[in-house]
C-alpha atoms as a PDB file:
ATOM      1  CA  MET A   1      28.597  35.083 117.780  1.00  0.00           C
ATOM      2  CA  TYR A   2      32.020  33.780 116.906  1.00  0.00           C
ATOM      3  CA  SER A   3      34.394  31.135 118.236  1.00  0.00           C
ATOM      4  CA  ASP A   4      38.155  31.558 118.280  1.00  0.00           C
ATOM      5  CA  LEU A   5      39.838  28.222 117.600  1.00  0.00           C
ATOM      6  CA  HIS A   6      43.437  29.350 117.160  1.00  0.00           C
ATOM      7  CA  ASN A   7      45.278  31.581 119.598  1.00  0.00           C
ATOM      8  CA  HIS A   8      48.253  31.556 121.907  1.00  0.00           C
ATOM      9  CA  LEU A   9      46.755  33.095 125.017  1.00  0.00           C
ATOM     10  CA  LEU A  10      47.679  30.598 127.724  1.00  0.00           C
ATOM     11  CA  PRO A  11      50.061  32.550 129.944  1.00  0.00           C
ATOM     12  CA  GLY A  12      53.755  31.846 129.672  1.00  0.00           C
ATOM     13  CA  ILE A  13      53.481  29.224 126.928  1.00  0.00           C
ATOM     14  CA  ASP A  14      54.985  29.774 123.481  1.00  0.00           C
ATOM     15  CA  ASP A  15      54.597  33.135 121.737  1.00  0.00           C
ATOM     16  CA  GLY A  16      51.439  34.481 123.354  1.00  0.00           C
ATOM     17  CA  SER A  17      50.312  36.008 126.593  1.00  0.00           C
ATOM     18  CA  THR A  18      52.880  36.640 129.317  1.00  0.00           C
ATOM     19  CA  GLY A  19      50.470  36.453 132.265  1.00  0.00           C
ATOM     20  CA  THR A  20      46.936  35.748 133.413  1.00  0.00           C
ATOM     21  CA  ALA A  21      45.991  39.433 133.658  1.00  0.00           C
ATOM     22  CA  GLU A  22      47.042  39.929 130.029  1.00  0.00           C
ATOM     23  CA  THR A  23      45.041  36.869 128.971  1.00  0.00           C
ATOM     24  CA  LEU A  24      41.935  38.199 130.730  1.00  0.00           C
ATOM     25  CA  ARG A  25      42.335  41.558 128.944  1.00  0.00           C
ATOM     26  CA  TYR A  26      42.459  39.754 125.594  1.00  0.00           C
ATOM     27  CA  LEU A  27      39.424  37.676 126.504  1.00  0.00           C
ATOM     28  CA  ARG A  28      37.440  40.805 127.399  1.00  0.00           C
ATOM     29  CA  SER A  29      38.460  42.321 124.080  1.00  0.00           C
ATOM     30  CA  PHE A  30      37.354  39.178 122.239  1.00  0.00           C
ATOM     31  CA  ALA A  31      33.989  39.265 124.019  1.00  0.00           C
ATOM     32  CA  ALA A  32      33.524  42.914 123.043  1.00  0.00           C
ATOM     33  CA  GLU A  33      34.030  41.860 119.405  1.00  0.00           C
ATOM     34  CA  GLY A  34      31.355  39.152 119.617  1.00  0.00           C
ATOM     35  CA  VAL A  35      33.494  36.093 120.385  1.00  0.00           C
ATOM     36  CA  SER A  36      31.428  33.759 122.561  1.00  0.00           C
ATOM     37  CA  THR A  37      33.905  30.848 122.835  1.00  0.00           C
ATOM     38  CA  VAL A  38      37.699  30.750 122.991  1.00  0.00           C
ATOM     39  CA  VAL A  39      39.572  27.489 122.622  1.00  0.00           C
ATOM     40  CA  PHE A  40      43.146  28.014 123.788  1.00  0.00           C
ATOM     41  CA  THR A  41      45.577  26.368 121.365  1.00  0.00           C
ATOM     42  CA  PRO A  42      49.158  26.404 122.632  1.00  0.00           C
ATOM     43  CA  HIS A  43      51.730  24.786 120.351  1.00  0.00           C
ATOM     44  CA  LEU A  44      52.252  21.061 120.740  1.00  0.00           C
ATOM     45  CA  LEU A  45      55.435  20.354 118.786  1.00  0.00           C
ATOM     46  CA  VAL A  46      55.030  16.587 118.507  1.00  0.00           C
ATOM     47  CA  PRO A  47      58.213  15.844 116.488  1.00  0.00           C
ATOM     48  CA  ASP A  48      60.335  17.552 119.159  1.00  0.00           C
ATOM     49  CA  LEU A  49      58.820  15.780 122.172  1.00  0.00           C
ATOM     50  CA  SER A  50      59.756  12.420 123.677  1.00  0.00           C
ATOM     51  CA  ALA A  51      56.874  10.502 125.245  1.00  0.00           C
ATOM     52  CA  ASP A  52      57.729  11.907 128.701  1.00  0.00           C
ATOM     53  CA  ARG A  53      58.072  15.460 127.428  1.00  0.00           C
ATOM     54  CA  LEU A  54      54.787  15.148 125.543  1.00  0.00           C
ATOM     55  CA  GLU A  55      53.025  14.203 128.796  1.00  0.00           C
ATOM     56  CA  ALA A  56      54.735  17.059 130.655  1.00  0.00           C
ATOM     57  CA  GLU A  57      53.776  19.568 127.962  1.00  0.00           C
ATOM     58  CA  LEU A  58      50.124  18.508 128.004  1.00  0.00           C
ATOM     59  CA  ALA A  59      50.135  18.684 131.824  1.00  0.00           C
ATOM     60  CA  LEU A  60      51.533  22.228 131.646  1.00  0.00           C
ATOM     61  CA  HIS A  61      48.786  23.219 129.192  1.00  0.00           C
ATOM     62  CA  ARG A  62      46.129  21.829 131.552  1.00  0.00           C
ATOM     63  CA  GLU A  63      47.710  23.599 134.540  1.00  0.00           C
ATOM     64  CA  ARG A  64      47.833  26.997 132.821  1.00  0.00           C
ATOM     65  CA  PHE A  65      44.295  26.537 131.506  1.00  0.00           C
ATOM     66  CA  ALA A  66      43.071  25.795 135.051  1.00  0.00           C
ATOM     67  CA  GLU A  67      44.793  28.979 136.269  1.00  0.00           C
ATOM     68  CA  VAL A  68      42.980  31.090 133.666  1.00  0.00           C
ATOM     69  CA  VAL A  69      39.642  29.411 134.373  1.00  0.00           C
ATOM     70  CA  GLY A  70      40.166  30.030 138.085  1.00  0.00           C
ATOM     71  CA  ALA A  71      40.983  33.698 137.495  1.00  0.00           C
ATOM     72  CA  ALA A  72      37.960  34.063 135.199  1.00  0.00           C
ATOM     73  CA  ASN A  73      35.565  32.373 137.634  1.00  0.00           C
ATOM     74  CA  GLY A  74      32.455  34.472 138.094  1.00  0.00           C
ATOM     75  CA  ASP A  75      33.257  36.942 135.310  1.00  0.00           C
ATOM     76  CA  ASP A  76      30.241  36.580 133.032  1.00  0.00           C
ATOM     77  CA  SER A  77      31.647  39.136 130.588  1.00  0.00           C
ATOM     78  CA  LEU A  78      34.182  36.617 129.278  1.00  0.00           C
ATOM     79  CA  PRO A  79      33.692  34.078 126.494  1.00  0.00           C
ATOM     80  CA  ASP A  80      33.284  30.396 127.308  1.00  0.00           C
ATOM     81  CA  LEU A  81      36.740  28.831 127.628  1.00  0.00           C
ATOM     82  CA  ALA A  82      38.068  25.489 126.428  1.00  0.00           C
ATOM     83  CA  LEU A  83      41.444  23.866 125.862  1.00  0.00           C
ATOM     84  CA  GLY A  84      42.944  22.508 122.664  1.00  0.00           C
ATOM     85  CA  GLN A  85      46.306  22.525 120.921  1.00  0.00           C
ATOM     86  CA  GLU A  86      47.928  23.669 117.706  1.00  0.00           C
ATOM     87  CA  ILE A  87      49.695  20.449 116.821  1.00  0.00           C
ATOM     88  CA  LEU A  88      52.809  20.341 114.668  1.00  0.00           C
ATOM     89  CA  ALA A  89      52.457  17.082 112.737  1.00  0.00           C
ATOM     90  CA  ARG A  90      54.562  17.065 109.589  1.00  0.00           C
ATOM     91  CA  PHE A  91      54.315  13.325 108.870  1.00  0.00           C
ATOM     92  CA  PRO A  92      51.903  10.443 109.589  1.00  0.00           C
ATOM     93  CA  ASP A  93      54.208   9.117 112.342  1.00  0.00           C
ATOM     94  CA  ASP A  94      53.781  12.423 114.213  1.00  0.00           C
ATOM     95  CA  MET A  95      50.012  12.196 113.883  1.00  0.00           C
ATOM     96  CA  GLY A  96      50.064   8.551 114.932  1.00  0.00           C
ATOM     97  CA  ARG A  97      51.537   9.550 118.289  1.00  0.00           C
ATOM     98  CA  ILE A  98      48.559  11.716 119.232  1.00  0.00           C
ATOM     99  CA  ALA A  99      45.555  10.975 116.986  1.00  0.00           C
ATOM    100  CA  GLY A 100      44.097   8.339 119.308  1.00  0.00           C
ATOM    101  CA  ARG A 101      44.448  10.409 122.479  1.00  0.00           C
ATOM    102  CA  PRO A 102      41.127  11.681 123.864  1.00  0.00           C
ATOM    103  CA  ASP A 103      42.976  14.415 125.816  1.00  0.00           C
ATOM    104  CA  VAL A 104      44.181  16.012 122.572  1.00  0.00           C
ATOM    105  CA  GLY A 105      41.872  18.004 120.320  1.00  0.00           C
ATOM    106  CA  LEU A 106      39.856  21.191 120.135  1.00  0.00           C
ATOM    107  CA  ALA A 107      37.735  21.467 123.285  1.00  0.00           C
ATOM    108  CA  GLY A 108      37.546  17.705 123.754  1.00  0.00           C
ATOM    109  CA  SER A 109      36.121  17.198 120.267  1.00  0.00           C
ATOM    110  CA  ASP A 110      37.309  14.906 117.490  1.00  0.00           C
ATOM    111  CA  ALA A 111      38.816  17.937 115.699  1.00  0.00           C
ATOM    112  CA  LEU A 112      42.585  18.464 115.686  1.00  0.00           C
ATOM    113  CA  LEU A 113      44.127  21.828 114.756  1.00  0.00           C
ATOM    114  CA  ILE A 114      47.177  20.747 112.743  1.00  0.00           C
ATOM    115  CA  GLU A 115      50.127  22.756 111.543  1.00  0.00           C
ATOM    116  CA  PHE A 116      52.332  21.123 108.909  1.00  0.00           C
ATOM    117  CA  GLY A 117      55.249  23.515 109.398  1.00  0.00           C
ATOM    118  CA  PHE A 118      56.490  26.308 107.207  1.00  0.00           C
ATOM    119  CA  SER A 119      59.148  24.442 105.210  1.00  0.00           C
ATOM    120  CA  ALA A 120      58.325  22.350 102.154  1.00  0.00           C
ATOM    121  CA  GLY A 121      59.053  18.948 103.731  1.00  0.00           C
ATOM    122  CA  PHE A 122      55.717  17.623 105.001  1.00  0.00           C
ATOM    123  CA  ASP A 123      53.166  14.970 104.072  1.00  0.00           C
ATOM    124  CA  ALA A 124      49.805  16.688 104.512  1.00  0.00           C
ATOM    125  CA  GLU A 125      47.770  13.956 102.824  1.00  0.00           C
ATOM    126  CA  GLY A 126      49.402  11.287 104.991  1.00  0.00           C
ATOM    127  CA  VAL A 127      48.754  13.260 108.185  1.00  0.00           C
ATOM    128  CA  ILE A 128      45.110  13.804 107.228  1.00  0.00           C
ATOM    129  CA  ALA A 129      44.658  10.101 106.372  1.00  0.00           C
ATOM    130  CA  CYS A 130      46.234   9.024 109.682  1.00  0.00           C
ATOM    131  CA  ALA A 131      43.931  11.335 111.651  1.00  0.00           C
ATOM    132  CA  HIS A 132      40.869  10.106 109.749  1.00  0.00           C
ATOM    133  CA  ALA A 133      41.839   6.480 110.432  1.00  0.00           C
ATOM    134  CA  GLU A 134      41.472   7.325 114.134  1.00  0.00           C
ATOM    135  CA  GLY A 135      38.095   9.007 113.567  1.00  0.00           C
ATOM    136  CA  ARG A 136      39.514  12.511 113.857  1.00  0.00           C
ATOM    137  CA  THR A 137      38.829  15.619 111.798  1.00  0.00           C
ATOM    138  CA  VAL A 138      41.772  17.783 110.759  1.00  0.00           C
ATOM    139  CA  VAL A 139      41.561  21.565 110.826  1.00  0.00           C
ATOM    140  CA  VAL A 140      44.578  22.799 108.864  1.00  0.00           C
ATOM    141  CA  ALA A 141      46.109  25.823 110.576  1.00  0.00           C
ATOM    142  CA  HIS A 142      47.053  28.798 108.396  1.00  0.00           C
ATOM    143  CA  PRO A 143      47.878  27.038 105.093  1.00  0.00           C
ATOM    144  CA  GLU A 144      48.597  30.420 103.514  1.00  0.00           C
ATOM    145  CA  ARG A 145      51.876  30.510 105.448  1.00  0.00           C
ATOM    146  CA  TYR A 146      53.379  27.229 104.168  1.00  0.00           C
ATOM    147  CA  ASP A 147      56.114  26.694 101.589  1.00  0.00           C
ATOM    148  CA  TYR A 148      54.568  24.794  98.672  1.00  0.00           C
ATOM    149  CA  ALA A 149      57.793  24.211  96.749  1.00  0.00           C
ATOM    150  CA  GLY A 150      57.400  21.106  94.611  1.00  0.00           C
ATOM    151  CA  ARG A 151      53.678  20.780  95.397  1.00  0.00           C
ATOM    152  CA  GLY A 152      52.282  22.733  92.486  1.00  0.00           C
ATOM    153  CA  ASP A 153      49.660  25.406  92.933  1.00  0.00           C
ATOM    154  CA  PRO A 154      49.005  26.131  96.644  1.00  0.00           C
ATOM    155  CA  ILE A 155      45.271  26.610  96.043  1.00  0.00           C
ATOM    156  CA  GLU A 156      45.086  23.178  94.409  1.00  0.00           C
ATOM    157  CA  ALA A 157      47.029  21.605  97.308  1.00  0.00           C
ATOM    158  CA  VAL A 158      44.643  23.097  99.867  1.00  0.00           C
ATOM    159  CA  ALA A 159      41.669  22.011  97.745  1.00  0.00           C
ATOM    160  CA  ARG A 160      43.032  18.415  97.828  1.00  0.00           C
ATOM    161  CA  TRP A 161      43.233  18.572 101.630  1.00  0.00           C
ATOM    162  CA  ARG A 162      39.679  19.877 101.786  1.00  0.00           C
ATOM    163  CA  ASP A 163      38.549  17.135  99.391  1.00  0.00           C
ATOM    164  CA  ARG A 164      40.125  14.593 101.773  1.00  0.00           C
ATOM    165  CA  GLY A 165      37.932  15.926 104.585  1.00  0.00           C
ATOM    166  CA  ALA A 166      40.129  18.544 106.198  1.00  0.00           C
ATOM    167  CA  ARG A 167      38.747  21.882 107.309  1.00  0.00           C
ATOM    168  CA  ILE A 168      40.792  24.989 106.560  1.00  0.00           C
ATOM    169  CA  GLN A 169      41.597  27.804 109.010  1.00  0.00           C
ATOM    170  CA  VAL A 170      43.202  30.997 107.724  1.00  0.00           C
ATOM    171  CA  ASN A 171      44.674  33.819 109.772  1.00  0.00           C
ATOM    172  CA  GLY A 172      42.907  37.165 109.833  1.00  0.00           C
ATOM    173  CA  GLY A 173      45.932  38.730 108.164  1.00  0.00           C
ATOM    174  CA  SER A 174      45.199  36.691 105.062  1.00  0.00           C
ATOM    175  CA  LEU A 175      41.807  38.310 104.768  1.00  0.00           C
ATOM    176  CA  ALA A 176      43.540  41.682 105.054  1.00  0.00           C
ATOM    177  CA  GLY A 177      46.034  40.824 102.268  1.00  0.00           C
ATOM    178  CA  LEU A 178      49.116  40.250 104.458  1.00  0.00           C
ATOM    179  CA  TYR A 179      49.917  36.793 103.038  1.00  0.00           C
END
């Protein structure tokens, strides 16, 4: 059995599902492919959110998750469902705003799915160190999609992150040669 830890299936949030019925169709498809757990990971764009907007965004994620769970109630053909986030944290200050929050993470765990952003200006090592200082584990989202200008060999950069304790998540398209 598999777990999906990176998707955008909460209805009406970011670039994923447009409604609960669509989300349930995707979940049935996942189950048919052997996925036993789905952790919803809507974007949490920390650098763009004031403290109030951060709270409102997390509340919206919880609300939409509750709607899906309610619609899925009693349907044993669906995977187990949990809530997380794909967190944009380009710099340690971004990570510092959320690393200590118990309501942020993959399915209530200590793991944080982190996206550094697609442009070259980010401090991955600093973000990872900040998360670790709070007892959190970083799962780096789709590193094959980042701009590594000025960072040397991308494989070596990702190996450094792994050596610093980060886990690495790649998109399926990478395995198919799309990146």
